[in-house]
Amino acid sequence: MDWRGRRQSRNIEDRRGQPLQGSGGGAGLLLLLRLLPWLLRSRVGRVVLAVGVMAFVGARLLGIDLLQLTSAPGQQTASFSAEEQQLAEFVSVVLADTEHTWQAIFAEQGMSYEEPVLVLFSQRVASACGTASSAVGPFYCPADRRVYLDLSFFRDLDRQLGAPGDFAQAYVVAHEVGHHIQTILGISHQVRNAGRGKSAAVVNALSVRQELQADCFAGVWGHAAGNYRDMLEPGDLEEALQAAAAIGDDRLQKRSGGEVVPDSFTHGTSAQRVEWFRRGFESGDMAQCDTFSAQL
């Protein structure tokens, strides 16, 4: 991809290197445990403890992690290799370009595009959808409208899944932004309602259609990046298709040595993921991404 020197997004939140991400505030928690015996013995202490518990619960209901806020300032800094910093810049450029694409598409339809925030993290992170480890891979949280990404996933995508290349990495970012599009348009809400009270097989089937649509939306972005801003280079499309194939449910289940169980699929087969990304990429039209009416 021809990405260097292009605009970077202002919507990057860098939490890399923060200790105990997701739980945060290790020092504050340790202090609280040390003071707990005194708090329980003293009448004033018990009042303070009760008020503190109510404040903590209230903050959590509002999506605020008070423990994370108590982390020592000196623990927030970290140094990164030149390679990782370049990856962070790359992700920022890709996010900025998705903003460009979706702002234009939404404007054509008389709508305003709300830009998502992309959170870079390492190992663990707290989101409004809960605490997650890097093992879950990149994800989008509709509750806070943020994309979460541990850059180490790109290494796994290359070395473990056999999908190298910068456009493969860009596809991953664009796919998660695709989920943001679904949230804005109310599609995610409709999917949740449609699956409420249904069997696991029905919920999984709905999830597959939602994920394939996000693949198609990623392809729509790729079309714009290549045709309108000349970002793509020879071989880039193949990188994205290889990545889409690498993370198909059937291939992942085969890699794990288990039985391939279609009813357990949540993202679609390799062939389906390739097909829907290509459909968005070739058409550049989000109207072609109606996976919910299509025969899969």
Protein backbone atom coordinates (compact mmCIF):
# COMPACT_ATOMS: atom_id res chain seq x y z
CA MET A 1 0.00 0.00 0.00
CA ASP A 2 1.08 3.54 -0.71
CA TRP A 3 0.30 4.95 2.71
CA ARG A 4 3.34 6.89 3.92
CA GLY A 5 2.99 10.66 4.11
CA ARG A 6 -0.80 10.55 4.16
CA ARG A 7 -3.09 12.01 6.78
CA GLN A 8 -3.28 10.23 10.12
CA SER A 9 -6.48 9.99 12.13
CA ARG A 10 -7.04 12.12 15.22
CA ASN A 11 -9.18 9.30 16.63
CA ILE A 12 -6.39 7.04 17.90
CA GLU A 13 -6.31 6.33 21.64
CA ASP A 14 -2.98 4.76 22.53
CA ARG A 15 -3.13 2.64 25.69
CA ARG A 16 -0.11 0.47 24.87
CA GLY A 17 2.24 -0.19 27.74
CA GLN A 18 -0.26 0.60 30.45
CA PRO A 19 0.02 -1.93 33.30
CA LEU A 20 -2.76 -4.43 33.93
CA GLN A 21 -4.89 -2.98 31.19
CA GLY A 22 -8.52 -3.69 31.77
CA SER A 23 -8.22 -3.89 35.55
CA GLY A 24 -5.85 -0.92 36.04
CA GLY A 25 -4.98 0.74 39.31
CA GLY A 26 -2.90 -2.05 40.79
CA ALA A 27 -1.24 0.30 43.28
CA GLY A 28 -4.57 1.80 44.35
CA LEU A 29 -6.10 -1.62 44.86
CA LEU A 30 -3.13 -2.76 46.93
CA LEU A 31 -3.44 0.31 49.16
CA LEU A 32 -7.15 -0.33 49.64
CA LEU A 33 -6.48 -3.91 50.74
CA ARG A 34 -3.90 -2.71 53.25
CA LEU A 35 -6.34 -0.18 54.73
CA LEU A 36 -9.30 -2.55 54.78
CA PRO A 37 -8.78 -3.84 58.40
CA TRP A 38 -8.74 -0.25 59.74
CA LEU A 39 -11.75 0.72 57.66
CA LEU A 40 -13.76 -2.18 59.06
CA ARG A 41 -12.81 -1.42 62.71
CA SER A 42 -13.56 2.30 62.60
CA ARG A 43 -17.06 3.77 62.38
CA VAL A 44 -15.72 6.56 60.15
CA GLY A 45 -13.85 3.97 58.17
CA ARG A 46 -16.99 1.96 57.56
CA VAL A 47 -18.77 5.09 56.34
CA VAL A 48 -15.86 5.89 54.01
CA LEU A 49 -15.85 2.31 52.74
CA ALA A 50 -19.62 2.35 52.11
CA VAL A 51 -19.41 5.65 50.22
CA GLY A 52 -16.46 4.33 48.24
CA VAL A 53 -18.31 1.17 47.25
CA MET A 54 -21.35 3.18 46.12
CA ALA A 55 -19.12 5.52 44.11
CA PHE A 56 -17.35 2.57 42.49
CA VAL A 57 -20.60 0.82 41.55
CA GLY A 58 -22.10 4.04 40.25
CA ALA A 59 -19.04 4.77 38.14
CA ARG A 60 -19.07 1.26 36.65
CA LEU A 61 -22.70 1.71 35.66
CA LEU A 62 -21.61 4.83 33.79
CA GLY A 63 -18.77 2.95 32.10
CA ILE A 64 -15.99 4.51 34.19
CA ASP A 65 -13.25 2.36 35.71
CA LEU A 66 -12.09 4.22 38.83
CA LEU A 67 -9.38 1.67 39.53
CA GLN A 68 -7.84 2.35 36.15
CA LEU A 69 -7.80 6.06 36.90
CA THR A 70 -5.68 5.46 40.00
CA SER A 71 -2.70 4.06 38.10
CA ALA A 72 0.48 5.94 38.84
CA PRO A 73 1.38 8.45 36.08
CA GLY A 74 4.89 7.09 35.82
CA GLN A 75 3.54 3.67 34.88
CA GLN A 76 1.78 4.94 31.76
CA THR A 77 4.90 5.48 29.66
CA ALA A 78 6.52 2.85 27.49
CA SER A 79 8.99 2.70 24.64
CA PHE A 80 8.27 0.89 21.40
CA SER A 81 10.42 -0.34 18.56
CA ALA A 82 10.60 1.63 15.34
CA GLU A 83 8.73 -1.22 13.63
CA GLU A 84 5.84 -1.08 16.09
CA GLN A 85 5.65 2.70 15.88
CA GLN A 86 5.48 2.42 12.12
CA LEU A 87 2.64 -0.07 12.49
CA ALA A 88 0.79 2.36 14.75
CA GLU A 89 1.22 5.12 12.18
CA PHE A 90 0.02 2.77 9.44
CA VAL A 91 -3.14 1.93 11.39
CA SER A 92 -3.75 5.63 11.95
CA VAL A 93 -3.48 6.32 8.22
CA VAL A 94 -5.84 3.45 7.38
CA LEU A 95 -8.37 4.66 9.94
CA ALA A 96 -8.14 8.18 8.50
CA ASP A 97 -8.81 6.83 5.03
CA THR A 98 -11.86 4.88 6.19
CA GLU A 99 -13.11 8.16 7.66
CA HIS A 100 -12.69 9.81 4.27
CA THR A 101 -14.58 7.00 2.50
CA TRP A 102 -17.51 6.73 4.89
CA GLN A 103 -17.91 10.48 5.31
CA ALA A 104 -18.40 10.72 1.54
CA ILE A 105 -20.77 7.75 1.33
CA PHE A 106 -22.90 8.94 4.25
CA ALA A 107 -23.01 12.49 2.82
CA GLU A 108 -24.31 11.11 -0.49
CA GLN A 109 -27.20 9.60 1.45
CA GLY A 110 -27.90 12.78 3.41
CA MET A 111 -26.45 11.43 6.64
CA SER A 112 -23.60 12.44 8.91
CA TYR A 113 -20.83 9.96 9.68
CA GLU A 114 -19.76 9.63 13.31
CA GLU A 115 -16.09 8.66 13.36
CA PRO A 116 -15.10 5.78 15.66
CA VAL A 117 -12.14 5.83 18.03
CA LEU A 118 -9.50 3.13 17.59
CA VAL A 119 -7.81 2.01 20.82
CA LEU A 120 -4.33 0.53 20.58
CA PHE A 121 -3.54 -1.74 23.51
CA SER A 122 -1.19 -4.47 24.60
CA GLN A 123 -2.17 -7.70 26.34
CA ARG A 124 -5.38 -6.57 28.07
CA VAL A 125 -7.82 -3.73 27.75
CA ALA A 126 -11.00 -2.42 29.38
CA SER A 127 -13.94 -1.50 27.18
CA ALA A 128 -17.59 -0.76 27.77
CA CYS A 129 -18.17 -4.34 26.60
CA GLY A 130 -15.93 -5.70 29.36
CA THR A 131 -12.28 -6.55 29.84
CA ALA A 132 -10.61 -8.49 27.02
CA SER A 133 -7.20 -9.98 26.36
CA SER A 134 -5.30 -9.78 23.10
CA ALA A 135 -6.17 -13.46 22.56
CA VAL A 136 -9.66 -12.45 21.37
CA GLY A 137 -8.13 -10.53 18.46
CA PRO A 138 -9.29 -7.14 17.19
CA PHE A 139 -12.86 -6.29 18.16
CA TYR A 140 -15.45 -3.55 18.01
CA CYS A 141 -17.50 -2.56 21.05
CA PRO A 142 -20.87 -1.03 20.11
CA ALA A 143 -21.42 0.18 23.68
CA ASP A 144 -18.60 2.75 23.42
CA ARG A 145 -18.28 2.76 19.61
CA ARG A 146 -14.57 1.96 19.71
CA VAL A 147 -12.36 -0.43 17.77
CA TYR A 148 -9.78 -2.27 19.91
CA LEU A 149 -6.54 -3.57 18.44
CA ASP A 150 -3.39 -5.16 19.80
CA LEU A 151 -0.76 -4.71 17.09
CA SER A 152 0.65 -8.15 17.90
CA PHE A 153 -2.34 -9.57 16.01
CA PHE A 154 -0.67 -8.53 12.77
CA ARG A 155 2.30 -10.72 13.63
CA ASP A 156 -0.05 -13.64 14.28
CA LEU A 157 -1.90 -12.92 11.04
CA ASP A 158 1.41 -13.25 9.18
CA ARG A 159 3.23 -16.02 11.00
CA GLN A 160 0.43 -18.21 12.32
CA LEU A 161 -2.35 -17.68 9.80
CA GLY A 162 -0.19 -17.21 6.71
CA ALA A 163 -1.65 -13.87 5.66
CA PRO A 164 1.16 -11.30 5.43
CA GLY A 165 1.10 -7.84 3.92
CA ASP A 166 -0.04 -4.33 4.77
CA PHE A 167 -3.33 -4.57 2.89
CA ALA A 168 -4.17 -7.72 4.85
CA GLN A 169 -3.68 -5.62 7.98
CA ALA A 170 -5.75 -2.79 6.52
CA TYR A 171 -8.56 -5.26 5.78
CA VAL A 172 -8.67 -6.16 9.48
CA VAL A 173 -9.05 -2.50 10.49
CA ALA A 174 -11.64 -1.83 7.79
CA HIS A 175 -13.65 -4.91 8.86
CA GLU A 176 -13.93 -3.62 12.43
CA VAL A 177 -14.92 -0.19 11.10
CA GLY A 178 -17.58 -2.09 9.15
CA HIS A 179 -19.11 -3.10 12.48
CA HIS A 180 -19.18 0.58 13.42
CA ILE A 181 -21.16 1.28 10.24
CA GLN A 182 -23.62 -1.43 11.28
CA THR A 183 -24.01 0.19 14.69
CA ILE A 184 -24.65 3.63 13.22
CA LEU A 185 -27.25 2.26 10.79
CA GLY A 186 -29.01 0.25 13.50
CA ILE A 187 -28.16 -3.09 11.88
CA SER A 188 -26.36 -4.43 14.95
CA HIS A 189 -29.37 -3.59 17.12
CA GLN A 190 -31.70 -5.39 14.71
CA VAL A 191 -29.46 -8.47 14.74
CA ARG A 192 -29.45 -8.58 18.53
CA ASN A 193 -33.25 -8.30 18.61
CA ALA A 194 -33.66 -10.98 15.96
CA GLY A 195 -31.52 -13.41 17.96
CA ARG A 196 -33.11 -12.76 21.34
CA GLY A 197 -34.58 -15.98 22.73
CA LYS A 198 -33.51 -18.02 19.70
CA SER A 199 -31.36 -21.14 19.56
CA ALA A 200 -27.56 -20.97 19.39
CA ALA A 201 -27.69 -22.12 15.76
CA VAL A 202 -29.99 -19.23 14.80
CA VAL A 203 -27.87 -16.68 16.70
CA ASN A 204 -24.71 -18.02 15.03
CA ALA A 205 -26.31 -17.82 11.59
CA LEU A 206 -27.23 -14.17 12.22
CA SER A 207 -23.68 -13.50 13.39
CA VAL A 208 -22.30 -14.98 10.17
CA ARG A 209 -24.41 -12.62 8.07
CA GLN A 210 -23.36 -9.66 10.20
CA GLU A 211 -19.66 -10.54 9.88
CA LEU A 212 -19.89 -11.09 6.14
CA GLN A 213 -21.53 -7.69 5.76
CA ALA A 214 -18.63 -6.14 7.67
CA ASP A 215 -16.30 -7.88 5.20
CA CYS A 216 -18.28 -6.38 2.33
CA PHE A 217 -18.12 -2.91 3.90
CA ALA A 218 -14.34 -3.37 4.21
CA GLY A 219 -14.29 -4.12 0.50
CA VAL A 220 -16.26 -0.92 -0.22
CA TRP A 221 -13.53 1.01 1.57
CA GLY A 222 -10.83 -0.86 -0.38
CA HIS A 223 -12.53 0.10 -3.63
CA ALA A 224 -12.45 3.79 -2.71
CA ALA A 225 -8.86 3.65 -1.45
CA GLY A 226 -7.69 2.07 -4.69
CA ASN A 227 -9.81 3.87 -7.26
CA TYR A 228 -10.13 7.36 -5.80
CA ARG A 229 -6.92 7.82 -3.80
CA ASP A 230 -4.53 5.44 -5.58
CA MET A 231 -3.38 3.79 -2.35
CA LEU A 232 -3.24 0.22 -3.60
CA GLU A 233 -0.24 -1.44 -5.17
CA PRO A 234 0.07 -4.68 -7.20
CA GLY A 235 -0.66 -7.68 -5.01
CA ASP A 236 -2.63 -5.77 -2.36
CA LEU A 237 -6.01 -7.24 -3.28
CA GLU A 238 -4.55 -10.74 -3.07
CA GLU A 239 -3.24 -9.96 0.42
CA ALA A 240 -6.70 -9.00 1.63
CA LEU A 241 -8.33 -12.04 0.04
CA GLN A 242 -5.71 -14.28 1.61
CA ALA A 243 -6.41 -12.74 5.01
CA ALA A 244 -10.18 -13.15 4.57
CA ALA A 245 -9.66 -16.81 3.67
CA ALA A 246 -7.26 -17.37 6.58
CA ILE A 247 -9.83 -16.37 9.20
CA GLY A 248 -12.79 -18.31 7.83
CA ASP A 249 -14.49 -20.46 10.45
CA ASP A 250 -13.95 -23.70 8.53
CA ARG A 251 -10.22 -23.09 8.13
CA LEU A 252 -9.75 -22.05 11.75
CA GLN A 253 -11.58 -25.13 12.97
CA LYS A 254 -9.42 -27.35 10.77
CA ARG A 255 -6.27 -25.65 12.06
CA SER A 256 -7.31 -26.32 15.63
CA GLY A 257 -7.58 -30.01 14.83
CA GLY A 258 -11.26 -30.16 15.66
CA GLU A 259 -14.26 -31.18 13.63
CA VAL A 260 -15.75 -28.62 11.26
CA VAL A 261 -19.23 -27.83 12.59
CA PRO A 262 -21.15 -25.39 10.34
CA ASP A 263 -23.81 -24.66 13.00
CA SER A 264 -21.05 -23.28 15.23
CA PHE A 265 -19.77 -20.83 12.61
CA THR A 266 -19.99 -17.19 13.69
CA HIS A 267 -18.01 -15.43 10.93
CA GLY A 268 -18.51 -17.48 7.77
CA THR A 269 -16.41 -19.87 5.72
CA SER A 270 -13.22 -18.83 3.98
CA ALA A 271 -15.03 -18.87 0.63
CA GLN A 272 -17.86 -16.70 1.96
CA ARG A 273 -15.51 -14.15 3.49
CA VAL A 274 -13.54 -13.88 0.27
CA GLU A 275 -16.74 -13.61 -1.79
CA TRP A 276 -18.24 -10.78 0.25
CA PHE A 277 -15.05 -8.76 0.54
CA ARG A 278 -14.60 -9.07 -3.21
CA ARG A 279 -18.21 -8.04 -3.82
CA GLY A 280 -17.72 -4.81 -1.89
CA PHE A 281 -14.30 -4.22 -3.44
CA GLU A 282 -15.47 -4.66 -7.03
CA SER A 283 -18.68 -2.67 -6.71
CA GLY A 284 -17.74 0.05 -4.23
CA ASP A 285 -21.46 0.08 -3.40
CA MET A 286 -22.65 -0.63 0.13
CA ALA A 287 -26.08 -1.50 -1.31
CA GLN A 288 -24.43 -4.66 -2.63
CA CYS A 289 -23.66 -5.72 0.96
CA ASP A 290 -27.11 -6.96 1.97
CA THR A 291 -26.00 -10.29 3.39
CA PHE A 292 -29.26 -10.66 5.32
CA SER A 293 -31.36 -11.09 2.18
CA ALA A 294 -28.81 -13.08 0.21
CA GLN A 295 -28.70 -16.84 -0.23
CA LEU A 296 -25.49 -17.91 1.50
